Amino acid sequence: RLGLTLNEAKTSIKQARQESFHFLGYRFGPHCFARDGRWYLGASP
């Protein structure tokens, strides 16, 4: 209605607890501890 279109290449639905998504240069979502292999939700470049 505003006369615009979404950038479909950058538009998607993610299950953020299982999948990562990128925003403003960061990767958000599941990460793995290098020491013991445990998973956690976080952010990284």
ModelCIF file with pLDDT and N, C-alpha, C, O atoms, coordinates in Angstrom:
data_MODEL
#
_entry.id   MODEL 
#
_entity.id                         1 
_entity.type                       polymer 
_entity.pdbx_number_of_molecules   1 
#
_entity_poly.entity_id                      1 
_entity_poly.type                           'polypeptide(L)' 
_entity_poly.nstd_linkage                   no 
_entity_poly.nstd_monomer                   no 
_entity_poly.pdbx_seq_one_letter_code       RLGLTLNEAKTSIKQARQESFHFLGYRFGPHCFARDGRWYLGASP 
_entity_poly.pdbx_seq_one_letter_code_can   RLGLTLNEAKTSIKQARQESFHFLGYRFGPHCFARDGRWYLGASP 
_entity_poly.pdbx_strand_id                 A 
#
loop_
_entity_poly_seq.entity_id 
_entity_poly_seq.num 
_entity_poly_seq.mon_id 
_entity_poly_seq.hetero 
1 1  ARG n 
1 2  LEU n 
1 3  GLY n 
1 4  LEU n 
1 5  THR n 
1 6  LEU n 
1 7  ASN n 
1 8  GLU n 
1 9  ALA n 
1 10 LYS n 
1 11 THR n 
1 12 SER n 
1 13 ILE n 
1 14 LYS n 
1 15 GLN n 
1 16 ALA n 
1 17 ARG n 
1 18 GLN n 
1 19 GLU n 
1 20 SER n 
1 21 PHE n 
1 22 HIS n 
1 23 PHE n 
1 24 LEU n 
1 25 GLY n 
1 26 TYR n 
1 27 ARG n 
1 28 PHE n 
1 29 GLY n 
1 30 PRO n 
1 31 HIS n 
1 32 CYS n 
1 33 PHE n 
1 34 ALA n 
1 35 ARG n 
1 36 ASP n 
1 37 GLY n 
1 38 ARG n 
1 39 TRP n 
1 40 TYR n 
1 41 LEU n 
1 42 GLY n 
1 43 ALA n 
1 44 SER n 
1 45 PRO n 
#
_struct_asym.id          A 
_struct_asym.entity_id   1 
#
loop_
_ma_qa_metric.id 
_ma_qa_metric.mode 
_ma_qa_metric.name 
_ma_qa_metric.software_group_id 
_ma_qa_metric.type 
1 global pLDDT . pLDDT 
2 local  pLDDT . pLDDT 
#
_ma_qa_metric_global.metric_id      1 
_ma_qa_metric_global.metric_value   91.09 
_ma_qa_metric_global.model_id       1 
_ma_qa_metric_global.ordinal_id     1 
#
loop_
_ma_qa_metric_local.label_asym_id 
_ma_qa_metric_local.label_comp_id 
_ma_qa_metric_local.label_seq_id 
_ma_qa_metric_local.metric_id 
_ma_qa_metric_local.metric_value 
_ma_qa_metric_local.model_id 
_ma_qa_metric_local.ordinal_id 
A ARG 1  2 91.00 1 1  
A LEU 2  2 87.00 1 2  
A GLY 3  2 86.00 1 3  
A LEU 4  2 86.00 1 4  
A THR 5  2 87.00 1 5  
A LEU 6  2 88.00 1 6  
A ASN 7  2 87.00 1 7  
A GLU 8  2 89.00 1 8  
A ALA 9  2 90.00 1 9  
A LYS 10 2 89.00 1 10 
A THR 11 2 93.00 1 11 
A SER 12 2 93.00 1 12 
A ILE 13 2 95.00 1 13 
A LYS 14 2 94.00 1 14 
A GLN 15 2 94.00 1 15 
A ALA 16 2 91.00 1 16 
A ARG 17 2 91.00 1 17 
A GLN 18 2 93.00 1 18 
A GLU 19 2 94.00 1 19 
A SER 20 2 94.00 1 20 
A PHE 21 2 94.00 1 21 
A HIS 22 2 94.00 1 22 
A PHE 23 2 94.00 1 23 
A LEU 24 2 94.00 1 24 
A GLY 25 2 95.00 1 25 
A TYR 26 2 96.00 1 26 
A ARG 27 2 96.00 1 27 
A PHE 28 2 96.00 1 28 
A GLY 29 2 94.00 1 29 
A PRO 30 2 94.00 1 30 
A HIS 31 2 92.00 1 31 
A CYS 32 2 89.00 1 32 
A PHE 33 2 85.00 1 33 
A ALA 34 2 78.00 1 34 
A ARG 35 2 81.00 1 35 
A ASP 36 2 84.00 1 36 
A GLY 37 2 83.00 1 37 
A ARG 38 2 89.00 1 38 
A TRP 39 2 91.00 1 39 
A TYR 40 2 92.00 1 40 
A LEU 41 2 93.00 1 41 
A GLY 42 2 94.00 1 42 
A ALA 43 2 96.00 1 43 
A SER 44 2 96.00 1 44 
A PRO 45 2 97.00 1 45 
#
loop_
_atom_site.group_PDB 
_atom_site.id 
_atom_site.type_symbol 
_atom_site.label_atom_id 
_atom_site.label_alt_id 
_atom_site.label_comp_id 
_atom_site.label_asym_id 
_atom_site.label_entity_id 
_atom_site.label_seq_id 
_atom_site.pdbx_PDB_ins_code 
_atom_site.Cartn_x 
_atom_site.Cartn_y 
_atom_site.Cartn_z 
_atom_site.occupancy 
_atom_site.B_iso_or_equiv 
_atom_site.pdbx_formal_charge 
_atom_site.auth_seq_id 
_atom_site.auth_comp_id 
_atom_site.auth_asym_id 
_atom_site.auth_atom_id 
_atom_site.pdbx_PDB_model_num 
ATOM 1   N N  . ARG A 1 1  ? 0.825  -1.210  0.000  1.00 91.00 ? 1  ARG A N  1 
ATOM 2   C CA . ARG A 1 1  ? 0.000  0.000   0.000  1.00 91.00 ? 1  ARG A CA 1 
ATOM 3   C C  . ARG A 1 1  ? 0.859  1.260   0.000  1.00 91.00 ? 1  ARG A C  1 
ATOM 4   O O  . ARG A 1 1  ? 0.430  2.303   -0.491 1.00 91.00 ? 1  ARG A O  1 
ATOM 5   N N  . LEU A 1 2  ? 2.052  1.170   0.540  1.00 87.00 ? 2  LEU A N  1 
ATOM 6   C CA . LEU A 1 2  ? 2.969  2.303   0.545  1.00 87.00 ? 2  LEU A CA 1 
ATOM 7   C C  . LEU A 1 2  ? 3.663  2.481   -0.807 1.00 87.00 ? 2  LEU A C  1 
ATOM 8   O O  . LEU A 1 2  ? 4.402  3.443   -1.013 1.00 87.00 ? 2  LEU A O  1 
ATOM 9   N N  . GLY A 1 3  ? 3.418  1.549   -1.717 1.00 86.00 ? 3  GLY A N  1 
ATOM 10  C CA . GLY A 1 3  ? 4.048  1.640   -3.028 1.00 86.00 ? 3  GLY A CA 1 
ATOM 11  C C  . GLY A 1 3  ? 5.435  1.034   -3.078 1.00 86.00 ? 3  GLY A C  1 
ATOM 12  O O  . GLY A 1 3  ? 6.211  1.315   -3.992 1.00 86.00 ? 3  GLY A O  1 
ATOM 13  N N  . LEU A 1 4  ? 5.750  0.198   -2.087 1.00 86.00 ? 4  LEU A N  1 
ATOM 14  C CA . LEU A 1 4  ? 7.066  -0.419  -2.007 1.00 86.00 ? 4  LEU A CA 1 
ATOM 15  C C  . LEU A 1 4  ? 6.948  -1.936  -2.157 1.00 86.00 ? 4  LEU A C  1 
ATOM 16  O O  . LEU A 1 4  ? 5.843  -2.477  -2.203 1.00 86.00 ? 4  LEU A O  1 
ATOM 17  N N  . THR A 1 5  ? 8.076  -2.607  -2.231 1.00 87.00 ? 5  THR A N  1 
ATOM 18  C CA . THR A 1 5  ? 8.106  -4.074  -2.249 1.00 87.00 ? 5  THR A CA 1 
ATOM 19  C C  . THR A 1 5  ? 9.189  -4.561  -1.300 1.00 87.00 ? 5  THR A C  1 
ATOM 20  O O  . THR A 1 5  ? 10.241 -3.936  -1.170 1.00 87.00 ? 5  THR A O  1 
ATOM 21  N N  . LEU A 1 6  ? 8.928  -5.668  -0.645 1.00 88.00 ? 6  LEU A N  1 
ATOM 22  C CA . LEU A 1 6  ? 9.945  -6.276  0.203  1.00 88.00 ? 6  LEU A CA 1 
ATOM 23  C C  . LEU A 1 6  ? 11.022 -6.915  -0.667 1.00 88.00 ? 6  LEU A C  1 
ATOM 24  O O  . LEU A 1 6  ? 10.738 -7.419  -1.754 1.00 88.00 ? 6  LEU A O  1 
ATOM 25  N N  . ASN A 1 7  ? 12.239 -6.890  -0.187 1.00 87.00 ? 7  ASN A N  1 
ATOM 26  C CA . ASN A 1 7  ? 13.315 -7.611  -0.856 1.00 87.00 ? 7  ASN A CA 1 
ATOM 27  C C  . ASN A 1 7  ? 13.166 -9.089  -0.503 1.00 87.00 ? 7  ASN A C  1 
ATOM 28  O O  . ASN A 1 7  ? 13.595 -9.530  0.564  1.00 87.00 ? 7  ASN A O  1 
ATOM 29  N N  . GLU A 1 8  ? 12.557 -9.844  -1.408 1.00 89.00 ? 8  GLU A N  1 
ATOM 30  C CA . GLU A 1 8  ? 12.244 -11.239 -1.115 1.00 89.00 ? 8  GLU A CA 1 
ATOM 31  C C  . GLU A 1 8  ? 13.487 -12.084 -0.888 1.00 89.00 ? 8  GLU A C  1 
ATOM 32  O O  . GLU A 1 8  ? 13.439 -13.082 -0.169 1.00 89.00 ? 8  GLU A O  1 
ATOM 33  N N  . ALA A 1 9  ? 14.604 -11.689 -1.498 1.00 90.00 ? 9  ALA A N  1 
ATOM 34  C CA . ALA A 1 9  ? 15.842 -12.446 -1.310 1.00 90.00 ? 9  ALA A CA 1 
ATOM 35  C C  . ALA A 1 9  ? 16.331 -12.359 0.139  1.00 90.00 ? 9  ALA A C  1 
ATOM 36  O O  . ALA A 1 9  ? 17.038 -13.245 0.619  1.00 90.00 ? 9  ALA A O  1 
ATOM 37  N N  . LYS A 1 10 ? 15.946 -11.279 0.829  1.00 89.00 ? 10 LYS A N  1 
ATOM 38  C CA . LYS A 1 10 ? 16.380 -11.091 2.214  1.00 89.00 ? 10 LYS A CA 1 
ATOM 39  C C  . LYS A 1 10 ? 15.232 -11.275 3.198  1.00 89.00 ? 10 LYS A C  1 
ATOM 40  O O  . LYS A 1 10 ? 15.381 -10.988 4.386  1.00 89.00 ? 10 LYS A O  1 
ATOM 41  N N  . THR A 1 11 ? 14.085 -11.752 2.712  1.00 93.00 ? 11 THR A N  1 
ATOM 42  C CA . THR A 1 11 ? 12.916 -11.892 3.567  1.00 93.00 ? 11 THR A CA 1 
ATOM 43  C C  . THR A 1 11 ? 12.588 -13.373 3.748  1.00 93.00 ? 11 THR A C  1 
ATOM 44  O O  . THR A 1 11 ? 12.411 -14.095 2.767  1.00 93.00 ? 11 THR A O  1 
ATOM 45  N N  . SER A 1 12 ? 12.509 -13.816 4.979  1.00 93.00 ? 12 SER A N  1 
ATOM 46  C CA . SER A 1 12 ? 12.195 -15.225 5.253  1.00 93.00 ? 12 SER A CA 1 
ATOM 47  C C  . SER A 1 12 ? 11.741 -15.362 6.695  1.00 93.00 ? 12 SER A C  1 
ATOM 48  O O  . SER A 1 12 ? 11.894 -14.445 7.502  1.00 93.00 ? 12 SER A O  1 
ATOM 49  N N  . ILE A 1 13 ? 11.186 -16.516 7.003  1.00 95.00 ? 13 ILE A N  1 
ATOM 50  C CA . ILE A 1 13 ? 10.778 -16.840 8.374  1.00 95.00 ? 13 ILE A CA 1 
ATOM 51  C C  . ILE A 1 13 ? 11.762 -17.868 8.920  1.00 95.00 ? 13 ILE A C  1 
ATOM 52  O O  . ILE A 1 13 ? 12.019 -18.889 8.283  1.00 95.00 ? 13 ILE A O  1 
ATOM 53  N N  . LYS A 1 14 ? 12.307 -17.596 10.094 1.00 94.00 ? 14 LYS A N  1 
ATOM 54  C CA . LYS A 1 14 ? 13.284 -18.475 10.715 1.00 94.00 ? 14 LYS A CA 1 
ATOM 55  C C  . LYS A 1 14 ? 12.803 -18.920 12.098 1.00 94.00 ? 14 LYS A C  1 
ATOM 56  O O  . LYS A 1 14 ? 12.218 -18.135 12.845 1.00 94.00 ? 14 LYS A O  1 
ATOM 57  N N  . GLN A 1 15 ? 13.052 -20.164 12.421 1.00 94.00 ? 15 GLN A N  1 
ATOM 58  C CA . GLN A 1 15 ? 12.867 -20.646 13.786 1.00 94.00 ? 15 GLN A CA 1 
ATOM 59  C C  . GLN A 1 15 ? 14.151 -20.310 14.540 1.00 94.00 ? 15 GLN A C  1 
ATOM 60  O O  . GLN A 1 15 ? 15.131 -21.053 14.484 1.00 94.00 ? 15 GLN A O  1 
ATOM 61  N N  . ALA A 1 16 ? 14.129 -19.188 15.241 1.00 91.00 ? 16 ALA A N  1 
ATOM 62  C CA . ALA A 1 16 ? 15.371 -18.613 15.751 1.00 91.00 ? 16 ALA A CA 1 
ATOM 63  C C  . ALA A 1 16 ? 16.083 -19.490 16.780 1.00 91.00 ? 16 ALA A C  1 
ATOM 64  O O  . ALA A 1 16 ? 17.274 -19.303 17.031 1.00 91.00 ? 16 ALA A O  1 
ATOM 65  N N  . ARG A 1 17 ? 15.375 -20.432 17.372 1.00 91.00 ? 17 ARG A N  1 
ATOM 66  C CA . ARG A 1 17 ? 16.040 -21.327 18.318 1.00 91.00 ? 17 ARG A CA 1 
ATOM 67  C C  . ARG A 1 17 ? 16.785 -22.461 17.615 1.00 91.00 ? 17 ARG A C  1 
ATOM 68  O O  . ARG A 1 17 ? 17.657 -23.097 18.206 1.00 91.00 ? 17 ARG A O  1 
ATOM 69  N N  . GLN A 1 18 ? 16.438 -22.709 16.353 1.00 93.00 ? 18 GLN A N  1 
ATOM 70  C CA . GLN A 1 18 ? 17.116 -23.757 15.590 1.00 93.00 ? 18 GLN A CA 1 
ATOM 71  C C  . GLN A 1 18 ? 17.888 -23.219 14.388 1.00 93.00 ? 18 GLN A C  1 
ATOM 72  O O  . GLN A 1 18 ? 18.813 -23.876 13.909 1.00 93.00 ? 18 GLN A O  1 
ATOM 73  N N  . GLU A 1 19 ? 17.524 -22.032 13.892 1.00 94.00 ? 19 GLU A N  1 
ATOM 74  C CA . GLU A 1 19 ? 18.147 -21.477 12.694 1.00 94.00 ? 19 GLU A CA 1 
ATOM 75  C C  . GLU A 1 19 ? 18.735 -20.108 12.990 1.00 94.00 ? 19 GLU A C  1 
ATOM 76  O O  . GLU A 1 19 ? 18.238 -19.371 13.841 1.00 94.00 ? 19 GLU A O  1 
ATOM 77  N N  . SER A 1 20 ? 19.793 -19.784 12.280 1.00 94.00 ? 20 SER A N  1 
ATOM 78  C CA . SER A 1 20 ? 20.424 -18.470 12.428 1.00 94.00 ? 20 SER A CA 1 
ATOM 79  C C  . SER A 1 20 ? 19.821 -17.475 11.441 1.00 94.00 ? 20 SER A C  1 
ATOM 80  O O  . SER A 1 20 ? 19.349 -17.857 10.370 1.00 94.00 ? 20 SER A O  1 
ATOM 81  N N  . PHE A 1 21 ? 19.842 -16.212 11.809 1.00 94.00 ? 21 PHE A N  1 
ATOM 82  C CA . PHE A 1 21 ? 19.462 -15.152 10.881 1.00 94.00 ? 21 PHE A CA 1 
ATOM 83  C C  . PHE A 1 21 ? 20.432 -13.985 11.049 1.00 94.00 ? 21 PHE A C  1 
ATOM 84  O O  . PHE A 1 21 ? 21.028 -13.808 12.112 1.00 94.00 ? 21 PHE A O  1 
ATOM 85  N N  . HIS A 1 22 ? 20.583 -13.194 9.990  1.00 94.00 ? 22 HIS A N  1 
ATOM 86  C CA . HIS A 1 22 ? 21.535 -12.100 9.982  1.00 94.00 ? 22 HIS A CA 1 
ATOM 87  C C  . HIS A 1 22 ? 20.815 -10.759 10.017 1.00 94.00 ? 22 HIS A C  1 
ATOM 88  O O  . HIS A 1 22 ? 19.797 -10.555 9.356  1.00 94.00 ? 22 HIS A O  1 
ATOM 89  N N  . PHE A 1 23 ? 21.375 -9.855  10.807 1.00 94.00 ? 23 PHE A N  1 
ATOM 90  C CA . PHE A 1 23 ? 20.783 -8.523  10.941 1.00 94.00 ? 23 PHE A CA 1 
ATOM 91  C C  . PHE A 1 23 ? 21.863 -7.544  11.358 1.00 94.00 ? 23 PHE A C  1 
ATOM 92  O O  . PHE A 1 23 ? 22.528 -7.732  12.377 1.00 94.00 ? 23 PHE A O  1 
ATOM 93  N N  . LEU A 1 24 ? 22.033 -6.489  10.557 1.00 94.00 ? 24 LEU A N  1 
ATOM 94  C CA . LEU A 1 24 ? 22.980 -5.413  10.848 1.00 94.00 ? 24 LEU A CA 1 
ATOM 95  C C  . LEU A 1 24 ? 24.402 -5.925  11.084 1.00 94.00 ? 24 LEU A C  1 
ATOM 96  O O  . LEU A 1 24 ? 25.115 -5.422  11.952 1.00 94.00 ? 24 LEU A O  1 
ATOM 97  N N  . GLY A 1 25 ? 24.799 -6.918  10.313 1.00 95.00 ? 25 GLY A N  1 
ATOM 98  C CA . GLY A 1 25 ? 26.162 -7.420  10.385 1.00 95.00 ? 25 GLY A CA 1 
ATOM 99  C C  . GLY A 1 25 ? 26.395 -8.523  11.390 1.00 95.00 ? 25 GLY A C  1 
ATOM 100 O O  . GLY A 1 25 ? 27.491 -9.078  11.459 1.00 95.00 ? 25 GLY A O  1 
ATOM 101 N N  . TYR A 1 26 ? 25.362 -8.857  12.186 1.00 96.00 ? 26 TYR A N  1 
ATOM 102 C CA . TYR A 1 26 ? 25.484 -9.906  13.195 1.00 96.00 ? 26 TYR A CA 1 
ATOM 103 C C  . TYR A 1 26 ? 24.749 -11.176 12.757 1.00 96.00 ? 26 TYR A C  1 
ATOM 104 O O  . TYR A 1 26 ? 23.794 -11.124 11.981 1.00 96.00 ? 26 TYR A O  1 
ATOM 105 N N  . ARG A 1 27 ? 25.209 -12.291 13.262 1.00 96.00 ? 27 ARG A N  1 
ATOM 106 C CA . ARG A 1 27 ? 24.497 -13.559 13.105 1.00 96.00 ? 27 ARG A CA 1 
ATOM 107 C C  . ARG A 1 27 ? 23.874 -13.907 14.448 1.00 96.00 ? 27 ARG A C  1 
ATOM 108 O O  . ARG A 1 27 ? 24.581 -14.085 15.440 1.00 96.00 ? 27 ARG A O  1 
ATOM 109 N N  . PHE A 1 28 ? 22.554 -14.002 14.477 1.00 96.00 ? 28 PHE A N  1 
ATOM 110 C CA . PHE A 1 28 ? 21.813 -14.340 15.691 1.00 96.00 ? 28 PHE A CA 1 
ATOM 111 C C  . PHE A 1 28 ? 21.285 -15.776 15.597 1.00 96.00 ? 28 PHE A C  1 
ATOM 112 O O  . PHE A 1 28 ? 20.937 -16.251 14.516 1.00 96.00 ? 28 PHE A O  1 
ATOM 113 N N  . GLY A 1 29 ? 21.234 -16.448 16.730 1.00 94.00 ? 29 GLY A N  1 
ATOM 114 C CA . GLY A 1 29 ? 20.694 -17.803 16.724 1.00 94.00 ? 29 GLY A CA 1 
ATOM 115 C C  . GLY A 1 29 ? 21.571 -18.762 17.500 1.00 94.00 ? 29 GLY A C  1 
ATOM 116 O O  . GLY A 1 29 ? 22.339 -18.343 18.366 1.00 94.00 ? 29 GLY A O  1 
ATOM 117 N N  . PRO A 1 30 ? 21.464 -20.052 17.196 1.00 94.00 ? 30 PRO A N  1 
ATOM 118 C CA . PRO A 1 30 ? 22.234 -21.058 17.936 1.00 94.00 ? 30 PRO A CA 1 
ATOM 119 C C  . PRO A 1 30 ? 23.732 -20.964 17.666 1.00 94.00 ? 30 PRO A C  1 
ATOM 120 O O  . PRO A 1 30 ? 24.159 -20.841 16.518 1.00 94.00 ? 30 PRO A O  1 
ATOM 121 N N  . HIS A 1 31 ? 24.518 -21.024 18.728 1.00 92.00 ? 31 HIS A N  1 
ATOM 122 C CA . HIS A 1 31 ? 25.974 -21.055 18.660 1.00 92.00 ? 31 HIS A CA 1 
ATOM 123 C C  . HIS A 1 31 ? 26.473 -22.245 19.479 1.00 92.00 ? 31 HIS A C  1 
ATOM 124 O O  . HIS A 1 31 ? 25.767 -22.766 20.342 1.00 92.00 ? 31 HIS A O  1 
ATOM 125 N N  . CYS A 1 32 ? 27.695 -22.655 19.192 1.00 89.00 ? 32 CYS A N  1 
ATOM 126 C CA . CYS A 1 32 ? 28.249 -23.825 19.862 1.00 89.00 ? 32 CYS A CA 1 
ATOM 127 C C  . CYS A 1 32 ? 29.511 -23.446 20.630 1.00 89.00 ? 32 CYS A C  1 
ATOM 128 O O  . CYS A 1 32 ? 30.400 -22.785 20.094 1.00 89.00 ? 32 CYS A O  1 
ATOM 129 N N  . PHE A 1 33 ? 29.580 -23.874 21.907 1.00 85.00 ? 33 PHE A N  1 
ATOM 130 C CA . PHE A 1 33 ? 30.801 -23.683 22.678 1.00 85.00 ? 33 PHE A CA 1 
ATOM 131 C C  . PHE A 1 33 ? 31.888 -24.591 22.112 1.00 85.00 ? 33 PHE A C  1 
ATOM 132 O O  . PHE A 1 33 ? 31.683 -25.795 21.956 1.00 85.00 ? 33 PHE A O  1 
ATOM 133 N N  . ALA A 1 34 ? 33.051 -24.004 21.805 1.00 78.00 ? 34 ALA A N  1 
ATOM 134 C CA . ALA A 1 34 ? 34.133 -24.793 21.220 1.00 78.00 ? 34 ALA A CA 1 
ATOM 135 C C  . ALA A 1 34 ? 34.705 -25.794 22.224 1.00 78.00 ? 34 ALA A C  1 
ATOM 136 O O  . ALA A 1 34 ? 35.196 -26.854 21.834 1.00 78.00 ? 34 ALA A O  1 
ATOM 137 N N  . ARG A 1 35 ? 34.644 -25.465 23.501 1.00 81.00 ? 35 ARG A N  1 
ATOM 138 C CA . ARG A 1 35 ? 35.281 -26.323 24.500 1.00 81.00 ? 35 ARG A CA 1 
ATOM 139 C C  . ARG A 1 35 ? 34.541 -27.637 24.711 1.00 81.00 ? 35 ARG A C  1 
ATOM 140 O O  . ARG A 1 35 ? 35.152 -28.706 24.713 1.00 81.00 ? 35 ARG A O  1 
ATOM 141 N N  . ASP A 1 36 ? 33.229 -27.557 24.888 1.00 84.00 ? 36 ASP A N  1 
ATOM 142 C CA . ASP A 1 36 ? 32.487 -28.772 25.245 1.00 84.00 ? 36 ASP A CA 1 
ATOM 143 C C  . ASP A 1 36 ? 31.378 -29.120 24.259 1.00 84.00 ? 36 ASP A C  1 
ATOM 144 O O  . ASP A 1 36 ? 30.687 -30.120 24.453 1.00 84.00 ? 36 ASP A O  1 
ATOM 145 N N  . GLY A 1 37 ? 31.188 -28.323 23.205 1.00 83.00 ? 37 GLY A N  1 
ATOM 146 C CA . GLY A 1 37 ? 30.191 -28.649 22.199 1.00 83.00 ? 37 GLY A CA 1 
ATOM 147 C C  . GLY A 1 37 ? 28.766 -28.319 22.595 1.00 83.00 ? 37 GLY A C  1 
ATOM 148 O O  . GLY A 1 37 ? 27.838 -28.703 21.883 1.00 83.00 ? 37 GLY A O  1 
ATOM 149 N N  . ARG A 1 38 ? 28.556 -27.622 23.705 1.00 89.00 ? 38 ARG A N  1 
ATOM 150 C CA . ARG A 1 38 ? 27.203 -27.245 24.120 1.00 89.00 ? 38 ARG A CA 1 
ATOM 151 C C  . ARG A 1 38 ? 26.688 -26.115 23.242 1.00 89.00 ? 38 ARG A C  1 
ATOM 152 O O  . ARG A 1 38 ? 27.458 -25.276 22.773 1.00 89.00 ? 38 ARG A O  1 
ATOM 153 N N  . TRP A 1 39 ? 25.364 -26.102 23.023 1.00 91.00 ? 39 TRP A N  1 
ATOM 154 C CA . TRP A 1 39 ? 24.726 -25.091 22.187 1.00 91.00 ? 39 TRP A CA 1 
ATOM 155 C C  . TRP A 1 39 ? 24.081 -24.020 23.056 1.00 91.00 ? 39 TRP A C  1 
ATOM 156 O O  . TRP A 1 39 ? 23.604 -24.299 24.156 1.00 91.00 ? 39 TRP A O  1 
ATOM 157 N N  . TYR A 1 40 ? 24.072 -22.813 22.557 1.00 92.00 ? 40 TYR A N  1 
ATOM 158 C CA . TYR A 1 40 ? 23.431 -21.702 23.264 1.00 92.00 ? 40 TYR A CA 1 
ATOM 159 C C  . TYR A 1 40 ? 22.935 -20.692 22.236 1.00 92.00 ? 40 TYR A C  1 
ATOM 160 O O  . TYR A 1 40 ? 23.399 -20.683 21.096 1.00 92.00 ? 40 TYR A O  1 
ATOM 161 N N  . LEU A 1 41 ? 21.993 -19.843 22.638 1.00 93.00 ? 41 LEU A N  1 
ATOM 162 C CA . LEU A 1 41 ? 21.485 -18.782 21.764 1.00 93.00 ? 41 LEU A CA 1 
ATOM 163 C C  . LEU A 1 41 ? 22.313 -17.522 21.987 1.00 93.00 ? 41 LEU A C  1 
ATOM 164 O O  . LEU A 1 41 ? 22.487 -17.073 23.119 1.00 93.00 ? 41 LEU A O  1 
ATOM 165 N N  . GLY A 1 42 ? 22.816 -16.965 20.904 1.00 94.00 ? 42 GLY A N  1 
ATOM 166 C CA . GLY A 1 42 ? 23.659 -15.792 21.047 1.00 94.00 ? 42 GLY A CA 1 
ATOM 167 C C  . GLY A 1 42 ? 23.813 -15.026 19.753 1.00 94.00 ? 42 GLY A C  1 
ATOM 168 O O  . GLY A 1 42 ? 23.048 -15.210 18.807 1.00 94.00 ? 42 GLY A O  1 
ATOM 169 N N  . ALA A 1 43 ? 24.816 -14.163 19.728 1.00 96.00 ? 43 ALA A N  1 
ATOM 170 C CA . ALA A 1 43 ? 25.093 -13.325 18.560 1.00 96.00 ? 43 ALA A CA 1 
ATOM 171 C C  . ALA A 1 43 ? 26.593 -13.268 18.330 1.00 96.00 ? 43 ALA A C  1 
ATOM 172 O O  . ALA A 1 43 ? 27.379 -13.361 19.273 1.00 96.00 ? 43 ALA A O  1 
ATOM 173 N N  . SER A 1 44 ? 26.983 -13.116 17.084 1.00 96.00 ? 44 SER A N  1 
ATOM 174 C CA . SER A 1 44 ? 28.393 -13.005 16.723 1.00 96.00 ? 44 SER A CA 1 
ATOM 175 C C  . SER A 1 44 ? 28.505 -12.277 15.391 1.00 96.00 ? 44 SER A C  1 
ATOM 176 O O  . SER A 1 44 ? 27.540 -12.254 14.627 1.00 96.00 ? 44 SER A O  1 
ATOM 177 N N  . PRO A 1 45 ? 29.662 -11.679 15.091 1.00 97.00 ? 45 PRO A N  1 
ATOM 178 C CA . PRO A 1 45 ? 29.839 -11.029 13.785 1.00 97.00 ? 45 PRO A CA 1 
ATOM 179 C C  . PRO A 1 45 ? 29.641 -12.036 12.652 1.00 97.00 ? 45 PRO A C  1 
ATOM 180 O O  . PRO A 1 45 ? 29.750 -11.677 11.480 1.00 97.00 ? 45 PRO A O  1 
#
